[in-house]
Amino acid sequence: MNKPFKVIIPFVILLMGTNLQAREISGVKLPEQIELIKQNLPLNGAGIRSKFIFDIYSGALYLPKKTHNIKQILAMAGPKRVLMHILI
């Protein structure tokens, strides 16, 4: 696993500290699941990054199974997806 991926996953997990399972975050519609390599990945969590009064981006994490344990996420085999929507 390359270094940028190891940095992005914990960062996105920190963003979802409130454990949001919403389908819409700051006007960005997030599907409850996506298909990647012929496998459905459920939405594990999502969050928004704000700086001062500005919403910078929203992020969503899709995994083969739902978990909030960072060690399990990094060790999890199979496809994973981080979606980021720039809002500014």
Protein backbone atom coordinates (compact mmCIF):
# COMPACT_ATOMS: atom_id res chain seq x y z
CA MET A 1 0.00 0.00 0.00
CA ASN A 2 1.50 3.33 -0.96
CA LYS A 3 2.04 6.15 1.52
CA PRO A 4 -0.58 8.64 0.19
CA PHE A 5 -3.30 6.00 0.60
CA LYS A 6 -2.23 5.37 4.20
CA VAL A 7 -2.53 9.10 4.89
CA ILE A 8 -5.88 9.64 3.14
CA ILE A 9 -7.83 6.83 4.84
CA PRO A 10 -7.18 7.95 8.44
CA PHE A 11 -7.86 11.55 7.42
CA VAL A 12 -11.26 10.63 5.96
CA ILE A 13 -12.07 8.57 9.04
CA LEU A 14 -11.31 11.58 11.21
CA LEU A 15 -13.69 13.61 9.07
CA MET A 16 -16.49 11.20 9.81
CA GLY A 17 -16.12 11.61 13.55
CA THR A 18 -19.82 12.34 13.85
CA ASN A 19 -20.56 9.06 12.03
CA LEU A 20 -22.69 10.67 9.36
CA GLN A 21 -24.56 8.18 7.20
CA ALA A 22 -26.39 10.85 5.22
CA ARG A 23 -27.03 10.65 1.51
CA GLU A 24 -26.44 14.36 1.08
CA ILE A 25 -23.65 16.40 2.61
CA SER A 26 -23.41 20.12 1.90
CA GLY A 27 -25.42 19.71 -1.29
CA VAL A 28 -23.37 16.72 -2.55
CA LYS A 29 -25.47 13.60 -3.08
CA LEU A 30 -23.71 10.41 -2.03
CA PRO A 31 -25.07 7.00 -2.99
CA GLU A 32 -25.58 4.50 -0.16
CA GLN A 33 -23.46 2.04 -2.15
CA ILE A 34 -21.36 1.96 -5.30
CA GLU A 35 -20.23 -0.82 -7.61
CA LEU A 36 -16.49 -1.21 -8.04
CA ILE A 37 -14.94 -4.17 -9.87
CA LYS A 38 -18.32 -5.96 -9.87
CA GLN A 39 -18.61 -5.68 -6.09
CA ASN A 40 -21.05 -3.47 -4.20
CA LEU A 41 -19.39 -1.28 -1.59
CA PRO A 42 -21.63 0.28 1.08
CA LEU A 43 -21.07 3.81 2.32
CA ASN A 44 -18.99 3.44 5.48
CA GLY A 45 -18.98 7.11 6.46
CA ALA A 46 -18.81 10.65 5.16
CA GLY A 47 -17.82 14.06 6.37
CA ILE A 48 -17.07 17.61 5.39
CA ARG A 49 -13.91 19.70 5.78
CA SER A 50 -14.49 23.33 6.70
CA LYS A 51 -11.99 26.13 7.13
CA PHE A 52 -13.28 29.23 8.92
CA ILE A 53 -16.74 29.73 7.37
CA PHE A 54 -16.01 27.93 4.10
CA ASP A 55 -16.84 24.33 3.24
CA ILE A 56 -13.74 23.06 1.42
CA TYR A 57 -14.66 19.51 0.40
CA SER A 58 -16.82 16.55 1.33
CA GLY A 59 -15.43 13.04 1.50
CA ALA A 60 -16.98 9.59 1.55
CA LEU A 61 -15.46 6.19 2.29
CA TYR A 62 -16.79 3.02 0.66
CA LEU A 63 -15.58 -0.37 1.94
CA PRO A 64 -16.55 -4.03 1.38
CA LYS A 65 -17.97 -4.13 4.94
CA LYS A 66 -18.76 -1.39 7.44
CA THR A 67 -16.24 -0.78 10.22
CA HIS A 68 -14.78 2.18 12.10
CA ASN A 69 -11.59 0.44 13.20
CA ILE A 70 -8.63 1.99 11.36
CA LYS A 71 -6.49 -1.16 11.66
CA GLN A 72 -9.23 -3.27 10.09
CA ILE A 73 -9.72 -0.74 7.29
CA LEU A 74 -6.03 -0.62 6.40
CA ALA A 75 -5.73 -4.43 6.54
CA MET A 76 -9.00 -5.06 4.66
CA ALA A 77 -8.57 -6.94 1.40
CA GLY A 78 -10.52 -6.06 -1.71
CA PRO A 79 -11.58 -2.81 -3.33
CA LYS A 80 -12.01 0.42 -1.38
CA ARG A 81 -12.98 3.86 -2.58
CA VAL A 82 -12.61 7.39 -1.24
CA LEU A 83 -14.76 9.99 -3.01
CA MET A 84 -13.94 13.63 -2.57
CA HIS A 85 -16.03 16.52 -3.90
CA ILE A 86 -14.39 19.95 -3.93
CA LEU A 87 -16.95 22.52 -2.80
CA ILE A 88 -15.19 25.86 -3.29
